[in-house]
């Protein structure tokens, strides 16, 4: 697995190298850049990159707009923003512009690893700040689910998370869901924790009932 790490602080990059070596599947090579221009050049030279970690505030960067440019230039490379920013508007723009995840630099290492492993598995990591906003939105009367880029609905749940919901409704255990979806059981637990946060529920029965109410899954799933 090859990863592009972009940040203008050398000490932060050194710390991140240690974190990245703990990712599932192992890392064969880490490319580093200290500004956005170098990041674009490295991505052009190495289209085989599996993941790009981008800071928002560094030389050559225009914040979320740079995420949009990188995603437009290299749409096949998943982007995770790793930034000191924790502003809701900035996070939402970065995600809307193509980021598959947004992790604040003050996050604990396990949170960082969960987020990166989730994105590498093909899903989206939504930061708690955005999850809280989505949860507040659920308090009102929900409308029909609408597609949004690679997200499957207005709550930013991915296809895999909806699939996990369907398996939960069928009564499968975490281990059985992991086998069905060809994922690690730990990744399934991350999916389910995200579902609970988004749906504002605390157990599987509540999750299924809320998902049916929001038309995220069909009521037939219970049978």
N, C-alpha and C. Protein backbone atom coordinates (compact mmCIF):
# COMPACT_ATOMS: atom_id res chain seq x y z
N UNK A 1 0.84 -1.19 0.00
CA UNK A 1 0.00 0.00 0.00
C UNK A 1 0.88 1.25 0.00
N UNK A 2 0.54 2.21 -0.85
CA UNK A 2 1.32 3.45 -0.97
C UNK A 2 0.47 4.64 -0.57
N UNK A 3 1.05 5.49 0.27
CA UNK A 3 0.31 6.62 0.83
C UNK A 3 1.07 7.92 0.62
N UNK A 4 0.34 8.96 0.29
CA UNK A 4 0.90 10.31 0.17
C UNK A 4 0.54 11.09 1.43
N UNK A 5 1.55 11.61 2.12
CA UNK A 5 1.38 12.36 3.35
C UNK A 5 1.82 13.81 3.11
N UNK A 6 0.87 14.74 3.22
CA UNK A 6 1.15 16.13 2.88
C UNK A 6 0.87 17.04 4.08
N UNK A 7 1.93 17.64 4.60
CA UNK A 7 1.82 18.57 5.73
C UNK A 7 3.13 19.36 5.79
N UNK A 8 3.03 20.63 6.14
CA UNK A 8 4.23 21.46 6.14
C UNK A 8 5.02 21.37 7.45
N UNK A 9 4.54 20.58 8.41
CA UNK A 9 5.26 20.41 9.67
C UNK A 9 5.97 19.06 9.67
N UNK A 10 7.29 19.08 9.66
CA UNK A 10 8.07 17.85 9.59
C UNK A 10 7.82 16.94 10.78
N UNK A 11 7.72 17.53 11.98
CA UNK A 11 7.50 16.71 13.17
C UNK A 11 6.17 15.98 13.10
N UNK A 12 5.15 16.64 12.56
CA UNK A 12 3.85 15.98 12.42
C UNK A 12 3.95 14.82 11.43
N UNK A 13 4.67 15.03 10.34
CA UNK A 13 4.82 13.95 9.35
C UNK A 13 5.55 12.75 9.97
N UNK A 14 6.55 13.04 10.80
CA UNK A 14 7.28 11.95 11.45
C UNK A 14 6.35 11.14 12.35
N UNK A 15 5.49 11.84 13.09
CA UNK A 15 4.53 11.16 13.95
C UNK A 15 3.53 10.35 13.15
N UNK A 16 3.08 10.89 12.02
CA UNK A 16 2.12 10.20 11.19
C UNK A 16 2.71 8.96 10.55
N UNK A 17 3.99 8.98 10.25
CA UNK A 17 4.63 7.79 9.68
C UNK A 17 4.51 6.62 10.64
N UNK A 18 4.66 6.90 11.93
CA UNK A 18 4.51 5.86 12.94
C UNK A 18 3.07 5.32 12.96
N UNK A 19 2.10 6.22 12.86
CA UNK A 19 0.68 5.81 12.85
C UNK A 19 0.38 4.97 11.61
N UNK A 20 0.86 5.42 10.46
CA UNK A 20 0.55 4.74 9.21
C UNK A 20 1.08 3.31 9.16
N UNK A 21 2.19 3.06 9.84
CA UNK A 21 2.75 1.71 9.85
C UNK A 21 1.86 0.73 10.61
N UNK A 22 0.86 1.24 11.33
CA UNK A 22 -0.05 0.38 12.09
C UNK A 22 -1.33 0.06 11.32
N UNK A 23 -1.45 0.56 10.08
CA UNK A 23 -2.65 0.32 9.30
C UNK A 23 -2.78 -1.14 8.90
N UNK A 24 -4.04 -1.59 8.75
CA UNK A 24 -4.29 -2.94 8.30
C UNK A 24 -3.76 -3.12 6.88
N UNK A 25 -3.11 -4.24 6.64
CA UNK A 25 -2.58 -4.52 5.31
C UNK A 25 -1.15 -4.09 5.12
N UNK A 26 -0.64 -3.21 5.99
CA UNK A 26 0.74 -2.77 5.89
C UNK A 26 0.97 -1.70 4.84
N UNK A 27 1.99 -0.89 5.04
CA UNK A 27 2.33 0.21 4.13
C UNK A 27 3.70 -0.08 3.52
N UNK A 28 3.75 -0.08 2.20
CA UNK A 28 5.01 -0.37 1.52
C UNK A 28 5.83 0.89 1.28
N UNK A 29 5.15 2.02 1.08
CA UNK A 29 5.88 3.25 0.78
C UNK A 29 5.04 4.47 1.17
N UNK A 30 5.72 5.46 1.77
CA UNK A 30 5.07 6.72 2.14
C UNK A 30 5.78 7.85 1.42
N UNK A 31 5.06 8.59 0.60
CA UNK A 31 5.59 9.76 -0.09
C UNK A 31 5.21 11.00 0.72
N UNK A 32 6.15 11.91 0.88
CA UNK A 32 5.90 13.09 1.69
C UNK A 32 6.02 14.37 0.87
N UNK A 33 5.20 15.36 1.25
CA UNK A 33 5.26 16.69 0.63
C UNK A 33 4.97 17.73 1.69
N UNK A 34 5.60 18.89 1.53
CA UNK A 34 5.41 19.97 2.50
C UNK A 34 4.52 21.08 1.99
N UNK A 35 4.08 21.00 0.74
CA UNK A 35 3.16 22.00 0.20
C UNK A 35 2.25 21.37 -0.84
N UNK A 36 1.21 22.09 -1.22
CA UNK A 36 0.19 21.51 -2.09
C UNK A 36 0.71 21.27 -3.50
N UNK A 37 1.57 22.13 -4.00
CA UNK A 37 2.11 21.96 -5.33
C UNK A 37 2.89 20.65 -5.45
N UNK A 38 3.73 20.37 -4.46
CA UNK A 38 4.48 19.12 -4.46
C UNK A 38 3.55 17.91 -4.37
N UNK A 39 2.45 18.08 -3.63
CA UNK A 39 1.48 16.99 -3.52
C UNK A 39 0.90 16.63 -4.88
N UNK A 40 0.54 17.63 -5.65
CA UNK A 40 0.00 17.39 -7.00
C UNK A 40 1.04 16.70 -7.89
N UNK A 41 2.28 17.13 -7.79
CA UNK A 41 3.35 16.54 -8.60
C UNK A 41 3.56 15.07 -8.25
N UNK A 42 3.57 14.75 -6.96
CA UNK A 42 3.77 13.36 -6.54
C UNK A 42 2.61 12.49 -7.00
N UNK A 43 1.39 13.02 -6.87
CA UNK A 43 0.21 12.26 -7.31
C UNK A 43 0.26 12.00 -8.81
N UNK A 44 0.77 12.95 -9.57
CA UNK A 44 0.90 12.76 -11.01
C UNK A 44 1.94 11.69 -11.34
N UNK A 45 3.02 11.68 -10.57
CA UNK A 45 4.09 10.71 -10.82
C UNK A 45 3.76 9.31 -10.30
N UNK A 46 2.82 9.24 -9.35
CA UNK A 46 2.49 7.95 -8.73
C UNK A 46 0.97 7.75 -8.70
N UNK A 47 0.38 7.48 -9.85
CA UNK A 47 -1.08 7.28 -9.90
C UNK A 47 -1.54 6.04 -9.16
N UNK A 48 -0.58 5.21 -8.73
CA UNK A 48 -0.94 3.98 -8.03
C UNK A 48 -1.18 4.20 -6.54
N UNK A 49 -1.13 5.46 -6.09
CA UNK A 49 -1.33 5.77 -4.67
C UNK A 49 -2.67 5.21 -4.17
N UNK A 50 -2.65 4.65 -2.96
CA UNK A 50 -3.86 4.09 -2.36
C UNK A 50 -4.60 5.10 -1.49
N UNK A 51 -3.89 6.16 -1.07
CA UNK A 51 -4.50 7.12 -0.15
C UNK A 51 -3.67 8.40 -0.12
N UNK A 52 -4.35 9.54 0.00
CA UNK A 52 -3.67 10.83 0.16
C UNK A 52 -4.17 11.49 1.43
N UNK A 53 -3.24 11.85 2.31
CA UNK A 53 -3.57 12.58 3.53
C UNK A 53 -3.15 14.03 3.33
N UNK A 54 -4.11 14.95 3.36
CA UNK A 54 -3.83 16.35 3.04
C UNK A 54 -4.19 17.26 4.20
N UNK A 55 -3.28 18.18 4.51
CA UNK A 55 -3.58 19.26 5.44
C UNK A 55 -4.28 20.37 4.65
N UNK A 56 -5.03 21.22 5.34
CA UNK A 56 -5.70 22.33 4.66
C UNK A 56 -4.88 23.61 4.69
N UNK A 57 -4.16 23.82 5.78
CA UNK A 57 -3.41 25.07 5.96
C UNK A 57 -1.92 24.82 5.80
N UNK A 58 -1.45 25.00 4.56
CA UNK A 58 -0.03 24.82 4.26
C UNK A 58 0.28 25.64 3.01
N UNK A 59 1.54 25.85 2.69
CA UNK A 59 1.89 26.62 1.49
C UNK A 59 1.24 26.07 0.24
N UNK A 60 0.65 26.95 -0.56
CA UNK A 60 0.04 26.56 -1.82
C UNK A 60 -1.39 26.07 -1.71
N UNK A 61 -1.87 25.91 -0.48
CA UNK A 61 -3.23 25.39 -0.29
C UNK A 61 -4.23 26.53 -0.14
N UNK A 62 -5.42 26.31 -0.69
CA UNK A 62 -6.52 27.26 -0.54
C UNK A 62 -7.65 26.62 0.26
N UNK A 63 -7.29 25.83 1.23
CA UNK A 63 -8.29 25.20 2.08
C UNK A 63 -9.10 24.16 1.32
N UNK A 64 -10.40 24.10 1.58
CA UNK A 64 -11.25 23.09 0.92
C UNK A 64 -11.19 23.14 -0.60
N UNK A 65 -10.93 24.31 -1.18
CA UNK A 65 -10.84 24.41 -2.64
C UNK A 65 -9.70 23.54 -3.19
N UNK A 66 -8.65 23.41 -2.41
CA UNK A 66 -7.54 22.55 -2.84
C UNK A 66 -7.95 21.09 -2.83
N UNK A 67 -8.83 20.72 -1.91
CA UNK A 67 -9.35 19.35 -1.91
C UNK A 67 -10.14 19.11 -3.19
N UNK A 68 -10.91 20.10 -3.58
CA UNK A 68 -11.69 19.99 -4.82
C UNK A 68 -10.78 19.82 -6.03
N UNK A 69 -9.69 20.59 -6.07
CA UNK A 69 -8.75 20.51 -7.18
C UNK A 69 -8.05 19.15 -7.21
N UNK A 70 -7.60 18.69 -6.06
CA UNK A 70 -6.90 17.40 -6.01
C UNK A 70 -7.85 16.28 -6.45
N UNK A 71 -9.08 16.31 -5.93
CA UNK A 71 -10.05 15.27 -6.27
C UNK A 71 -10.40 15.30 -7.76
N UNK A 72 -10.51 16.49 -8.32
CA UNK A 72 -10.81 16.62 -9.75
C UNK A 72 -9.65 16.09 -10.59
N UNK A 73 -8.43 16.36 -10.13
CA UNK A 73 -7.25 15.94 -10.89
C UNK A 73 -6.99 14.44 -10.76
N UNK A 74 -7.24 13.88 -9.58
CA UNK A 74 -6.94 12.47 -9.32
C UNK A 74 -8.12 11.83 -8.58
N UNK A 75 -9.25 11.67 -9.26
CA UNK A 75 -10.46 11.17 -8.59
C UNK A 75 -10.34 9.75 -8.08
N UNK A 76 -9.34 9.00 -8.57
CA UNK A 76 -9.19 7.60 -8.15
C UNK A 76 -8.43 7.47 -6.84
N UNK A 77 -7.84 8.58 -6.35
CA UNK A 77 -7.07 8.52 -5.10
C UNK A 77 -7.94 9.02 -3.95
N UNK A 78 -8.28 8.16 -2.98
CA UNK A 78 -9.08 8.61 -1.84
C UNK A 78 -8.34 9.66 -1.03
N UNK A 79 -9.06 10.68 -0.59
CA UNK A 79 -8.47 11.77 0.18
C UNK A 79 -9.02 11.76 1.60
N UNK A 80 -8.12 11.87 2.57
CA UNK A 80 -8.51 12.12 3.96
C UNK A 80 -7.83 13.42 4.40
N UNK A 81 -8.63 14.36 4.86
CA UNK A 81 -8.07 15.61 5.37
C UNK A 81 -7.64 15.38 6.82
N UNK A 82 -6.41 15.73 7.13
CA UNK A 82 -5.91 15.69 8.51
C UNK A 82 -5.50 17.11 8.85
N UNK A 83 -6.31 17.77 9.67
CA UNK A 83 -6.15 19.21 9.85
C UNK A 83 -6.43 19.63 11.29
N UNK A 84 -5.89 20.78 11.64
CA UNK A 84 -6.18 21.37 12.94
C UNK A 84 -7.53 22.07 12.96
N UNK A 85 -8.15 22.22 11.79
CA UNK A 85 -9.46 22.85 11.70
C UNK A 85 -10.53 21.96 12.34
N UNK A 86 -11.45 22.59 13.06
CA UNK A 86 -12.59 21.83 13.59
C UNK A 86 -13.89 22.58 13.35
N UNK A 87 -13.86 23.50 12.37
CA UNK A 87 -15.04 24.29 12.03
C UNK A 87 -16.00 23.46 11.17
N UNK A 88 -17.27 23.47 11.53
CA UNK A 88 -18.26 22.67 10.82
C UNK A 88 -18.30 23.01 9.33
N UNK A 89 -18.33 24.31 9.00
CA UNK A 89 -18.41 24.72 7.61
C UNK A 89 -17.23 24.26 6.79
N UNK A 90 -16.03 24.34 7.36
CA UNK A 90 -14.82 23.91 6.66
C UNK A 90 -14.86 22.40 6.43
N UNK A 91 -15.26 21.68 7.46
CA UNK A 91 -15.34 20.22 7.34
C UNK A 91 -16.34 19.82 6.26
N UNK A 92 -17.50 20.44 6.28
CA UNK A 92 -18.54 20.09 5.32
C UNK A 92 -18.09 20.38 3.89
N UNK A 93 -17.43 21.52 3.69
CA UNK A 93 -16.95 21.85 2.35
C UNK A 93 -15.92 20.83 1.87
N UNK A 94 -15.00 20.47 2.75
CA UNK A 94 -13.96 19.50 2.38
C UNK A 94 -14.60 18.17 1.99
N UNK A 95 -15.61 17.74 2.74
CA UNK A 95 -16.28 16.48 2.41
C UNK A 95 -17.08 16.61 1.12
N UNK A 96 -17.76 17.73 0.95
CA UNK A 96 -18.54 17.95 -0.27
C UNK A 96 -17.65 18.03 -1.50
N UNK A 97 -16.42 18.51 -1.31
CA UNK A 97 -15.49 18.66 -2.43
C UNK A 97 -14.72 17.39 -2.76
N UNK A 98 -15.01 16.30 -2.07
CA UNK A 98 -14.41 15.04 -2.47
C UNK A 98 -13.63 14.27 -1.43
N UNK A 99 -13.42 14.85 -0.23
CA UNK A 99 -12.70 14.12 0.82
C UNK A 99 -13.53 12.93 1.28
N UNK A 100 -12.86 11.81 1.52
CA UNK A 100 -13.53 10.61 2.01
C UNK A 100 -13.50 10.54 3.54
N UNK A 101 -12.80 11.50 4.14
CA UNK A 101 -12.74 11.55 5.60
C UNK A 101 -12.11 12.84 6.05
N UNK A 102 -12.37 13.22 7.30
CA UNK A 102 -11.80 14.43 7.88
C UNK A 102 -11.46 14.10 9.33
N UNK A 103 -10.17 14.15 9.66
CA UNK A 103 -9.71 13.82 11.01
C UNK A 103 -8.97 15.02 11.58
N UNK A 104 -9.39 15.44 12.77
CA UNK A 104 -8.70 16.56 13.42
C UNK A 104 -7.37 16.09 14.00
N UNK A 105 -6.39 16.97 13.99
CA UNK A 105 -5.06 16.60 14.45
C UNK A 105 -5.01 16.29 15.95
N UNK A 106 -6.00 16.72 16.69
CA UNK A 106 -6.00 16.42 18.12
C UNK A 106 -6.69 15.09 18.43
N UNK A 107 -7.03 14.33 17.39
CA UNK A 107 -7.66 13.02 17.59
C UNK A 107 -6.66 12.02 18.14
N UNK A 108 -7.16 11.06 18.89
CA UNK A 108 -6.31 9.99 19.41
C UNK A 108 -5.90 9.06 18.28
N UNK A 109 -4.78 8.36 18.46
CA UNK A 109 -4.28 7.45 17.43
C UNK A 109 -5.31 6.40 17.03
N UNK A 110 -6.02 5.76 17.97
CA UNK A 110 -7.03 4.77 17.56
C UNK A 110 -8.11 5.36 16.66
N UNK A 111 -8.50 6.60 16.92
CA UNK A 111 -9.50 7.25 16.07
C UNK A 111 -8.94 7.46 14.67
N UNK A 112 -7.70 7.91 14.60
CA UNK A 112 -7.04 8.12 13.31
C UNK A 112 -6.97 6.79 12.53
N UNK A 113 -6.58 5.73 13.19
CA UNK A 113 -6.46 4.43 12.52
C UNK A 113 -7.82 3.92 12.06
N UNK A 114 -8.85 4.08 12.89
CA UNK A 114 -10.19 3.65 12.50
C UNK A 114 -10.65 4.39 11.25
N UNK A 115 -10.40 5.71 11.24
CA UNK A 115 -10.82 6.52 10.10
C UNK A 115 -10.11 6.10 8.82
N UNK A 116 -8.80 5.92 8.90
CA UNK A 116 -8.03 5.57 7.70
C UNK A 116 -8.36 4.16 7.22
N UNK A 117 -8.51 3.22 8.14
CA UNK A 117 -8.87 1.86 7.74
C UNK A 117 -10.25 1.83 7.09
N UNK A 118 -11.15 2.65 7.59
CA UNK A 118 -12.50 2.72 7.02
C UNK A 118 -12.45 3.22 5.58
N UNK A 119 -11.68 4.28 5.35
CA UNK A 119 -11.56 4.85 4.00
C UNK A 119 -10.86 3.86 3.07
N UNK A 120 -9.83 3.21 3.56
CA UNK A 120 -9.12 2.22 2.74
C UNK A 120 -10.01 1.03 2.38
N UNK A 121 -11.04 0.79 3.21
CA UNK A 121 -11.99 -0.28 2.92
C UNK A 121 -13.06 0.16 1.92
N UNK A 122 -12.97 1.43 1.49
CA UNK A 122 -13.91 1.92 0.49
C UNK A 122 -15.07 2.72 1.02
N UNK A 123 -15.00 3.11 2.29
CA UNK A 123 -16.10 3.85 2.88
C UNK A 123 -15.68 5.27 3.26
N UNK A 124 -16.59 5.97 3.88
CA UNK A 124 -16.39 7.37 4.24
C UNK A 124 -16.35 7.50 5.75
N UNK A 125 -15.38 8.25 6.27
CA UNK A 125 -15.33 8.54 7.70
C UNK A 125 -15.87 9.95 7.92
N UNK A 126 -16.98 10.04 8.65
CA UNK A 126 -17.59 11.33 8.93
C UNK A 126 -17.17 11.77 10.32
N UNK A 127 -16.56 12.95 10.49
CA UNK A 127 -16.12 13.39 11.81
C UNK A 127 -17.30 13.62 12.74
N UNK A 128 -17.08 13.47 14.06
CA UNK A 128 -18.17 13.63 15.04
C UNK A 128 -18.92 14.96 14.90
N UNK A 129 -18.20 16.03 14.55
CA UNK A 129 -18.85 17.33 14.41
C UNK A 129 -19.94 17.31 13.35
N UNK A 130 -19.70 16.59 12.26
CA UNK A 130 -20.71 16.49 11.21
C UNK A 130 -21.80 15.49 11.59
N UNK A 131 -21.41 14.43 12.28
CA UNK A 131 -22.40 13.46 12.72
C UNK A 131 -23.42 14.11 13.64
N UNK A 132 -22.95 15.00 14.50
CA UNK A 132 -23.86 15.69 15.43
C UNK A 132 -24.88 16.51 14.66
N UNK A 133 -24.42 17.20 13.62
CA UNK A 133 -25.34 18.01 12.81
C UNK A 133 -26.36 17.12 12.10
N UNK A 134 -25.89 15.97 11.57
CA UNK A 134 -26.81 15.06 10.91
C UNK A 134 -27.83 14.52 11.90
N UNK A 135 -27.37 14.26 13.13
CA UNK A 135 -28.28 13.75 14.14
C UNK A 135 -29.34 14.77 14.48
N UNK A 136 -28.97 16.05 14.55
CA UNK A 136 -29.94 17.10 14.82
C UNK A 136 -30.97 17.18 13.70
N UNK A 137 -30.49 16.95 12.46
CA UNK A 137 -31.40 17.03 11.33
C UNK A 137 -32.44 15.91 11.38
N UNK A 138 -32.06 14.76 11.94
CA UNK A 138 -32.98 13.65 12.00
C UNK A 138 -34.13 13.94 12.95
N UNK A 139 -33.92 14.88 13.88
CA UNK A 139 -34.98 15.23 14.82
C UNK A 139 -36.21 15.77 14.13
N UNK A 140 -36.07 16.34 12.95
CA UNK A 140 -37.21 16.85 12.20
C UNK A 140 -37.83 15.75 11.38
N UNK A 141 -38.81 16.10 10.55
CA UNK A 141 -39.48 15.12 9.71
C UNK A 141 -38.59 14.77 8.54
N UNK A 142 -38.20 13.52 8.40
CA UNK A 142 -37.28 13.14 7.32
C UNK A 142 -37.97 13.13 5.98
N UNK A 143 -37.21 13.46 4.94
CA UNK A 143 -37.71 13.36 3.59
C UNK A 143 -37.15 12.12 2.95
N UNK A 144 -37.45 11.88 1.69
CA UNK A 144 -36.93 10.70 1.01
C UNK A 144 -35.42 10.79 0.86
N UNK A 145 -34.77 9.64 0.88
CA UNK A 145 -33.31 9.61 0.73
C UNK A 145 -32.93 10.08 -0.66
N UNK A 146 -31.85 10.88 -0.73
CA UNK A 146 -31.38 11.42 -2.00
C UNK A 146 -29.93 11.05 -2.21
N UNK A 147 -29.54 10.58 -3.40
CA UNK A 147 -28.14 10.27 -3.67
C UNK A 147 -27.31 11.55 -3.60
N UNK A 148 -26.04 11.40 -3.15
CA UNK A 148 -25.14 12.55 -3.09
C UNK A 148 -23.73 12.06 -3.33
N UNK A 149 -23.27 12.21 -4.56
CA UNK A 149 -21.95 11.72 -4.93
C UNK A 149 -21.83 10.24 -4.56
N UNK A 150 -20.77 9.85 -3.81
CA UNK A 150 -20.61 8.46 -3.44
C UNK A 150 -21.40 8.12 -2.18
N UNK A 151 -22.03 9.11 -1.57
CA UNK A 151 -22.88 8.85 -0.42
C UNK A 151 -24.21 8.33 -0.93
N UNK A 152 -24.91 7.59 -0.08
CA UNK A 152 -26.14 6.96 -0.54
C UNK A 152 -27.39 7.72 -0.15
N UNK A 153 -27.30 8.72 0.70
CA UNK A 153 -28.50 9.38 1.19
C UNK A 153 -28.15 10.69 1.86
N UNK A 154 -29.15 11.42 2.30
CA UNK A 154 -28.91 12.74 2.87
C UNK A 154 -28.17 12.69 4.20
N UNK A 155 -28.07 11.50 4.81
CA UNK A 155 -27.37 11.37 6.08
C UNK A 155 -25.92 10.95 5.90
N UNK A 156 -25.46 10.90 4.63
CA UNK A 156 -24.07 10.58 4.32
C UNK A 156 -23.67 9.15 4.68
N UNK A 157 -24.65 8.26 4.81
CA UNK A 157 -24.31 6.85 5.00
C UNK A 157 -23.88 6.26 3.66
N UNK A 158 -22.87 5.41 3.71
CA UNK A 158 -22.37 4.80 2.49
C UNK A 158 -23.13 3.52 2.17
N UNK A 159 -22.89 3.00 0.97
CA UNK A 159 -23.55 1.76 0.56
C UNK A 159 -23.21 0.62 1.51
N UNK A 160 -21.97 0.57 1.96
CA UNK A 160 -21.58 -0.50 2.88
C UNK A 160 -22.27 -0.36 4.23
N UNK A 161 -22.44 0.87 4.69
CA UNK A 161 -23.13 1.08 5.96
C UNK A 161 -24.60 0.70 5.86
N UNK A 162 -25.22 1.00 4.71
CA UNK A 162 -26.59 0.56 4.49
C UNK A 162 -26.65 -0.96 4.43
N UNK A 163 -25.65 -1.56 3.81
CA UNK A 163 -25.58 -3.02 3.74
C UNK A 163 -25.47 -3.61 5.14
N UNK A 164 -24.66 -2.98 6.00
CA UNK A 164 -24.53 -3.44 7.38
C UNK A 164 -25.86 -3.32 8.10
N UNK A 165 -26.57 -2.23 7.85
CA UNK A 165 -27.90 -2.05 8.44
C UNK A 165 -28.84 -3.19 8.05
N UNK A 166 -28.80 -3.54 6.78
CA UNK A 166 -29.66 -4.62 6.29
C UNK A 166 -29.32 -5.95 6.98
N UNK A 167 -28.04 -6.20 7.17
CA UNK A 167 -27.62 -7.43 7.85
C UNK A 167 -28.04 -7.39 9.33
N UNK A 168 -27.97 -6.22 9.95
CA UNK A 168 -28.43 -6.09 11.34
C UNK A 168 -29.91 -6.42 11.42
N UNK A 169 -30.67 -5.90 10.44
CA UNK A 169 -32.11 -6.16 10.42
C UNK A 169 -32.41 -7.64 10.22
N UNK A 170 -31.49 -8.36 9.61
CA UNK A 170 -31.66 -9.80 9.39
C UNK A 170 -31.24 -10.62 10.61
N UNK A 171 -30.72 -9.92 11.64
CA UNK A 171 -30.36 -10.59 12.87
C UNK A 171 -28.97 -11.18 12.91
N UNK A 172 -28.09 -10.78 11.98
CA UNK A 172 -26.73 -11.32 11.96
C UNK A 172 -25.86 -10.69 13.05
N UNK A 173 -24.92 -11.44 13.56
CA UNK A 173 -23.95 -10.93 14.54
C UNK A 173 -22.86 -10.14 13.82
N UNK A 174 -22.04 -9.44 14.59
CA UNK A 174 -20.92 -8.69 13.99
C UNK A 174 -20.00 -9.62 13.21
N UNK A 175 -19.73 -10.79 13.76
CA UNK A 175 -18.85 -11.75 13.08
C UNK A 175 -19.47 -12.21 11.77
N UNK A 176 -20.77 -12.50 11.80
CA UNK A 176 -21.45 -12.94 10.58
C UNK A 176 -21.51 -11.84 9.54
N UNK A 177 -21.72 -10.60 10.00
CA UNK A 177 -21.74 -9.46 9.07
C UNK A 177 -20.36 -9.30 8.43
N UNK A 178 -19.31 -9.44 9.25
CA UNK A 178 -17.94 -9.32 8.74
C UNK A 178 -17.68 -10.36 7.65
N UNK A 179 -18.16 -11.59 7.86
CA UNK A 179 -17.96 -12.64 6.87
C UNK A 179 -18.74 -12.35 5.60
N UNK A 180 -19.98 -11.88 5.75
CA UNK A 180 -20.81 -11.57 4.59
C UNK A 180 -20.21 -10.45 3.75
N UNK A 181 -19.64 -9.43 4.43
CA UNK A 181 -19.14 -8.24 3.74
C UNK A 181 -17.65 -8.31 3.44
N UNK A 182 -17.00 -9.43 3.85
CA UNK A 182 -15.55 -9.60 3.64
C UNK A 182 -14.76 -8.47 4.29
N UNK A 183 -15.11 -8.15 5.53
CA UNK A 183 -14.44 -7.10 6.28
C UNK A 183 -13.93 -7.66 7.60
N UNK A 184 -13.01 -6.92 8.22
CA UNK A 184 -12.59 -7.28 9.57
C UNK A 184 -13.73 -6.96 10.53
N UNK A 185 -13.84 -7.75 11.59
CA UNK A 185 -14.92 -7.51 12.55
C UNK A 185 -14.80 -6.12 13.18
N UNK A 186 -13.57 -5.66 13.37
CA UNK A 186 -13.37 -4.32 13.91
C UNK A 186 -13.93 -3.24 13.01
N UNK A 187 -13.81 -3.43 11.69
CA UNK A 187 -14.36 -2.46 10.74
C UNK A 187 -15.88 -2.45 10.81
N UNK A 188 -16.48 -3.62 10.98
CA UNK A 188 -17.93 -3.70 11.12
C UNK A 188 -18.38 -2.93 12.36
N UNK A 189 -17.62 -3.07 13.45
CA UNK A 189 -17.96 -2.35 14.67
C UNK A 189 -17.91 -0.83 14.45
N UNK A 190 -16.95 -0.37 13.65
CA UNK A 190 -16.87 1.06 13.33
C UNK A 190 -18.11 1.48 12.56
N UNK A 191 -18.50 0.67 11.58
CA UNK A 191 -19.71 0.96 10.80
C UNK A 191 -20.93 1.09 11.72
N UNK A 192 -21.08 0.14 12.62
CA UNK A 192 -22.25 0.12 13.49
C UNK A 192 -22.24 1.30 14.45
N UNK A 193 -21.05 1.64 14.98
CA UNK A 193 -20.96 2.80 15.86
C UNK A 193 -21.36 4.07 15.13
N UNK A 194 -20.92 4.18 13.86
CA UNK A 194 -21.30 5.34 13.05
C UNK A 194 -22.80 5.38 12.83
N UNK A 195 -23.40 4.22 12.55
CA UNK A 195 -24.84 4.15 12.34
C UNK A 195 -25.59 4.60 13.59
N UNK A 196 -25.15 4.16 14.75
CA UNK A 196 -25.81 4.55 15.99
C UNK A 196 -25.75 6.07 16.19
N UNK A 197 -24.59 6.66 15.87
CA UNK A 197 -24.44 8.11 16.04
C UNK A 197 -25.34 8.87 15.07
N UNK A 198 -25.34 8.46 13.81
CA UNK A 198 -26.12 9.15 12.80
C UNK A 198 -27.62 9.04 13.09
N UNK A 199 -28.04 7.84 13.47
CA UNK A 199 -29.47 7.59 13.69
C UNK A 199 -29.93 7.98 15.09
N UNK A 200 -28.98 8.32 15.95
CA UNK A 200 -29.27 8.72 17.33
C UNK A 200 -30.00 7.61 18.07
N UNK A 201 -29.44 6.42 18.01
CA UNK A 201 -29.99 5.25 18.70
C UNK A 201 -28.89 4.61 19.53
N UNK A 202 -29.28 3.65 20.36
CA UNK A 202 -28.30 3.02 21.25
C UNK A 202 -28.24 1.51 21.13
N UNK A 203 -29.10 0.92 20.30
CA UNK A 203 -29.05 -0.52 20.14
C UNK A 203 -29.56 -0.91 18.76
N UNK A 204 -29.48 -2.20 18.45
CA UNK A 204 -29.80 -2.69 17.11
C UNK A 204 -31.29 -2.55 16.77
N UNK A 205 -32.14 -2.85 17.74
CA UNK A 205 -33.58 -2.75 17.47
C UNK A 205 -33.96 -1.33 17.12
N UNK A 206 -33.46 -0.37 17.89
CA UNK A 206 -33.75 1.04 17.61
C UNK A 206 -33.19 1.45 16.26
N UNK A 207 -32.00 0.95 15.92
CA UNK A 207 -31.37 1.28 14.64
C UNK A 207 -32.23 0.81 13.48
N UNK A 208 -32.73 -0.41 13.57
CA UNK A 208 -33.56 -0.96 12.49
C UNK A 208 -34.86 -0.18 12.36
N UNK A 209 -35.50 0.11 13.49
CA UNK A 209 -36.77 0.85 13.46
C UNK A 209 -36.58 2.24 12.85
N UNK A 210 -35.48 2.92 13.26
CA UNK A 210 -35.23 4.26 12.72
C UNK A 210 -34.88 4.20 11.24
N UNK A 211 -34.11 3.20 10.84
CA UNK A 211 -33.74 3.05 9.43
C UNK A 211 -34.97 2.80 8.56
N UNK A 212 -35.91 2.01 9.07
CA UNK A 212 -37.15 1.78 8.32
C UNK A 212 -37.98 3.06 8.23
N UNK A 213 -38.04 3.80 9.33
CA UNK A 213 -38.79 5.06 9.36
C UNK A 213 -38.24 6.05 8.35
N UNK A 214 -36.90 6.07 8.22
CA UNK A 214 -36.24 7.00 7.30
C UNK A 214 -36.13 6.43 5.89
N UNK A 215 -36.68 5.24 5.69
CA UNK A 215 -36.67 4.57 4.40
C UNK A 215 -35.25 4.27 3.91
N UNK A 216 -34.35 4.03 4.86
CA UNK A 216 -32.99 3.64 4.49
C UNK A 216 -32.92 2.16 4.15
N UNK A 217 -33.82 1.38 4.77
CA UNK A 217 -33.96 -0.02 4.43
C UNK A 217 -35.45 -0.34 4.38
N UNK A 218 -35.79 -1.43 3.73
CA UNK A 218 -37.19 -1.82 3.64
C UNK A 218 -37.63 -2.58 4.87
N UNK A 219 -38.89 -2.46 5.25
CA UNK A 219 -39.40 -3.16 6.42
C UNK A 219 -39.36 -4.66 6.23
N UNK A 220 -39.27 -5.10 4.96
CA UNK A 220 -39.20 -6.54 4.68
C UNK A 220 -37.92 -7.16 5.20
N UNK A 221 -36.91 -6.28 5.48
CA UNK A 221 -35.62 -6.80 5.95
C UNK A 221 -35.76 -7.57 7.25
N UNK A 222 -36.80 -7.24 8.04
CA UNK A 222 -36.98 -7.92 9.31
C UNK A 222 -37.42 -9.37 9.12
N UNK A 223 -38.00 -9.68 7.96
CA UNK A 223 -38.44 -11.04 7.72
C UNK A 223 -37.38 -11.80 7.01
